[in-house]
Amino acid sequence: MKSTTRLILIACLSLLAGCATAKPPMELVDARQAYARASAGQASQLAPAEVQLALEALTIAEQSFRDDPRSDRTRELAILAYRKAKLAQSLAVKATVDTQPAGAEAAGRK
């Protein structure tokens, strides 16, 4: 009877240890989402260099998360990756606006 109890206790502890993986900080979640939008949208065509920089920044943030999930450095790197992805999106919007004829912008305001 005691060995069965021990086995159940060990199984429960193993299950809890498996579930104890760290959740990513919200900054990293936001960076992942921003990069996903940038890489799937117009930014991938109109600002590919910036999208690549965002990917590189996100990769560094992900590595930092794997090394030390709770560090401030991980959060800071995630914020940087988020901003780079948003910059890529903004540059794509700007490129789209810049390519519109001048009359199209004025017609859109009426």
C-alpha atoms as a PDB file:
ATOM      1  CA  MET A   1       0.000   0.000   0.000  1.00  0.00           C
ATOM      2  CA  LYS A   2       2.811   2.391   0.839  1.00  0.00           C
ATOM      3  CA  SER A   3       4.563   1.783  -2.486  1.00  0.00           C
ATOM      4  CA  THR A   4       1.350   2.601  -4.372  1.00  0.00           C
ATOM      5  CA  THR A   5       1.007   5.852  -2.450  1.00  0.00           C
ATOM      6  CA  ARG A   6       4.616   6.711  -3.220  1.00  0.00           C
ATOM      7  CA  LEU A   7       4.124   5.996  -6.911  1.00  0.00           C
ATOM      8  CA  ILE A   8       1.033   8.217  -7.014  1.00  0.00           C
ATOM      9  CA  LEU A   9       2.895  10.969  -5.164  1.00  0.00           C
ATOM     10  CA  ILE A  10       5.861  10.744  -7.555  1.00  0.00           C
ATOM     11  CA  ALA A  11       3.535  10.796 -10.558  1.00  0.00           C
ATOM     12  CA  CYS A  12       1.730  13.878  -9.223  1.00  0.00           C
ATOM     13  CA  LEU A  13       4.993  15.678  -8.510  1.00  0.00           C
ATOM     14  CA  SER A  14       6.282  14.827 -11.984  1.00  0.00           C
ATOM     15  CA  LEU A  15       3.089  16.160 -13.502  1.00  0.00           C
ATOM     16  CA  LEU A  16       3.370  19.376 -11.513  1.00  0.00           C
ATOM     17  CA  ALA A  17       7.008  19.800 -12.482  1.00  0.00           C
ATOM     18  CA  GLY A  18       6.072  19.386 -16.142  1.00  0.00           C
ATOM     19  CA  CYS A  19       3.401  22.061 -15.842  1.00  0.00           C
ATOM     20  CA  ALA A  20       5.751  24.462 -14.109  1.00  0.00           C
ATOM     21  CA  THR A  21       7.241  25.833 -17.318  1.00  0.00           C
ATOM     22  CA  ALA A  22       7.467  29.581 -17.241  1.00  0.00           C
ATOM     23  CA  LYS A  23       4.903  31.595 -19.136  1.00  0.00           C
ATOM     24  CA  PRO A  24       6.440  34.153 -21.460  1.00  0.00           C
ATOM     25  CA  PRO A  25       6.209  37.772 -20.334  1.00  0.00           C
ATOM     26  CA  MET A  26       3.469  39.833 -21.971  1.00  0.00           C
ATOM     27  CA  GLU A  27       6.119  41.873 -23.768  1.00  0.00           C
ATOM     28  CA  LEU A  28       7.336  38.759 -25.551  1.00  0.00           C
ATOM     29  CA  VAL A  29       3.801  37.716 -26.443  1.00  0.00           C
ATOM     30  CA  ASP A  30       3.183  41.195 -27.876  1.00  0.00           C
ATOM     31  CA  ALA A  31       6.449  41.063 -29.828  1.00  0.00           C
ATOM     32  CA  ARG A  32       5.517  37.697 -31.326  1.00  0.00           C
ATOM     33  CA  GLN A  33       2.130  39.038 -32.408  1.00  0.00           C
ATOM     34  CA  ALA A  34       3.584  42.244 -33.846  1.00  0.00           C
ATOM     35  CA  TYR A  35       6.161  40.280 -35.820  1.00  0.00           C
ATOM     36  CA  ALA A  36       3.484  37.885 -37.093  1.00  0.00           C
ATOM     37  CA  ARG A  37       1.423  40.825 -38.365  1.00  0.00           C
ATOM     38  CA  ALA A  38       4.445  42.505 -39.946  1.00  0.00           C
ATOM     39  CA  SER A  39       5.671  39.373 -41.684  1.00  0.00           C
ATOM     40  CA  ALA A  40       2.218  38.435 -42.963  1.00  0.00           C
ATOM     41  CA  GLY A  41       1.254  41.927 -44.089  1.00  0.00           C
ATOM     42  CA  GLN A  42       2.477  44.523 -46.528  1.00  0.00           C
ATOM     43  CA  ALA A  43       5.600  45.132 -44.487  1.00  0.00           C
ATOM     44  CA  SER A  44       7.111  41.897 -45.755  1.00  0.00           C
ATOM     45  CA  GLN A  45       6.974  43.312 -49.292  1.00  0.00           C
ATOM     46  CA  LEU A  46       7.419  47.039 -48.678  1.00  0.00           C
ATOM     47  CA  ALA A  47       9.900  46.985 -45.780  1.00  0.00           C
ATOM     48  CA  PRO A  48      11.592  43.555 -45.907  1.00  0.00           C
ATOM     49  CA  ALA A  49      14.833  44.752 -44.309  1.00  0.00           C
ATOM     50  CA  GLU A  50      12.960  46.074 -41.282  1.00  0.00           C
ATOM     51  CA  VAL A  51      10.940  42.869 -41.006  1.00  0.00           C
ATOM     52  CA  GLN A  52      14.225  40.936 -41.019  1.00  0.00           C
ATOM     53  CA  LEU A  53      15.590  43.180 -38.251  1.00  0.00           C
ATOM     54  CA  ALA A  54      12.419  42.550 -36.251  1.00  0.00           C
ATOM     55  CA  LEU A  55      12.882  38.796 -36.703  1.00  0.00           C
ATOM     56  CA  GLU A  56      16.475  38.990 -35.535  1.00  0.00           C
ATOM     57  CA  ALA A  57      15.458  41.004 -32.470  1.00  0.00           C
ATOM     58  CA  LEU A  58      12.650  38.551 -31.708  1.00  0.00           C
ATOM     59  CA  THR A  59      15.035  35.611 -32.041  1.00  0.00           C
ATOM     60  CA  ILE A  60      17.389  37.199 -29.510  1.00  0.00           C
ATOM     61  CA  ALA A  61      14.481  37.864 -27.140  1.00  0.00           C
ATOM     62  CA  GLU A  62      13.304  34.248 -27.497  1.00  0.00           C
ATOM     63  CA  GLN A  63      16.817  32.977 -26.709  1.00  0.00           C
ATOM     64  CA  SER A  64      16.969  35.215 -23.654  1.00  0.00           C
ATOM     65  CA  PHE A  65      13.597  33.819 -22.550  1.00  0.00           C
ATOM     66  CA  ARG A  66      14.907  30.262 -22.891  1.00  0.00           C
ATOM     67  CA  ASP A  67      18.063  31.167 -20.929  1.00  0.00           C
ATOM     68  CA  ASP A  68      16.362  33.152 -18.160  1.00  0.00           C
ATOM     69  CA  PRO A  69      12.569  33.484 -18.503  1.00  0.00           C
ATOM     70  CA  ARG A  70      12.112  35.950 -15.680  1.00  0.00           C
ATOM     71  CA  SER A  71      14.946  38.353 -16.408  1.00  0.00           C
ATOM     72  CA  ASP A  72      14.494  42.037 -17.083  1.00  0.00           C
ATOM     73  CA  ARG A  73      16.784  41.588 -20.086  1.00  0.00           C
ATOM     74  CA  THR A  74      14.244  39.243 -21.669  1.00  0.00           C
ATOM     75  CA  ARG A  75      11.513  41.843 -21.268  1.00  0.00           C
ATOM     76  CA  GLU A  76      13.728  44.621 -22.620  1.00  0.00           C
ATOM     77  CA  LEU A  77      14.716  42.560 -25.654  1.00  0.00           C
ATOM     78  CA  ALA A  78      11.062  41.707 -26.267  1.00  0.00           C
ATOM     79  CA  ILE A  79      10.134  45.391 -26.164  1.00  0.00           C
ATOM     80  CA  LEU A  80      12.878  46.123 -28.687  1.00  0.00           C
ATOM     81  CA  ALA A  81      11.612  43.346 -30.969  1.00  0.00           C
ATOM     82  CA  TYR A  82       8.061  44.694 -30.658  1.00  0.00           C
ATOM     83  CA  ARG A  83       9.171  48.187 -31.607  1.00  0.00           C
ATOM     84  CA  LYS A  84      11.127  46.940 -34.602  1.00  0.00           C
ATOM     85  CA  ALA A  85       8.093  45.022 -35.854  1.00  0.00           C
ATOM     86  CA  LYS A  86       5.873  48.081 -35.394  1.00  0.00           C
ATOM     87  CA  LEU A  87       8.453  50.202 -37.228  1.00  0.00           C
ATOM     88  CA  ALA A  88       8.347  47.793 -40.156  1.00  0.00           C
ATOM     89  CA  GLN A  89       4.559  48.072 -40.229  1.00  0.00           C
ATOM     90  CA  SER A  90       4.703  51.868 -40.051  1.00  0.00           C
ATOM     91  CA  LEU A  91       7.233  52.072 -42.856  1.00  0.00           C
ATOM     92  CA  ALA A  92       5.008  49.870 -45.006  1.00  0.00           C
ATOM     93  CA  VAL A  93       2.049  52.178 -44.397  1.00  0.00           C
ATOM     94  CA  LYS A  94       4.211  55.186 -45.236  1.00  0.00           C
ATOM     95  CA  ALA A  95       5.415  53.528 -48.435  1.00  0.00           C
ATOM     96  CA  THR A  96       1.817  52.812 -49.409  1.00  0.00           C
ATOM     97  CA  VAL A  97       0.787  56.416 -48.799  1.00  0.00           C
ATOM     98  CA  ASP A  98       3.840  57.744 -50.626  1.00  0.00           C
ATOM     99  CA  THR A  99       2.995  55.754 -53.748  1.00  0.00           C
ATOM    100  CA  GLN A 100      -0.574  57.061 -53.969  1.00  0.00           C
ATOM    101  CA  PRO A 101      -1.119  59.899 -56.412  1.00  0.00           C
ATOM    102  CA  ALA A 102      -1.579  63.304 -54.803  1.00  0.00           C
ATOM    103  CA  GLY A 103      -5.153  63.550 -56.051  1.00  0.00           C
ATOM    104  CA  ALA A 104      -6.131  60.261 -54.438  1.00  0.00           C
ATOM    105  CA  GLU A 105      -5.313  61.601 -50.982  1.00  0.00           C
ATOM    106  CA  ALA A 106      -7.337  64.750 -51.539  1.00  0.00           C
ATOM    107  CA  ALA A 107     -10.247  62.748 -52.949  1.00  0.00           C
ATOM    108  CA  GLY A 108     -10.227  60.527 -49.856  1.00  0.00           C
ATOM    109  CA  ARG A 109     -10.801  63.507 -47.566  1.00  0.00           C
ATOM    110  CA  LYS A 110     -13.970  64.700 -49.292  1.00  0.00           C
END
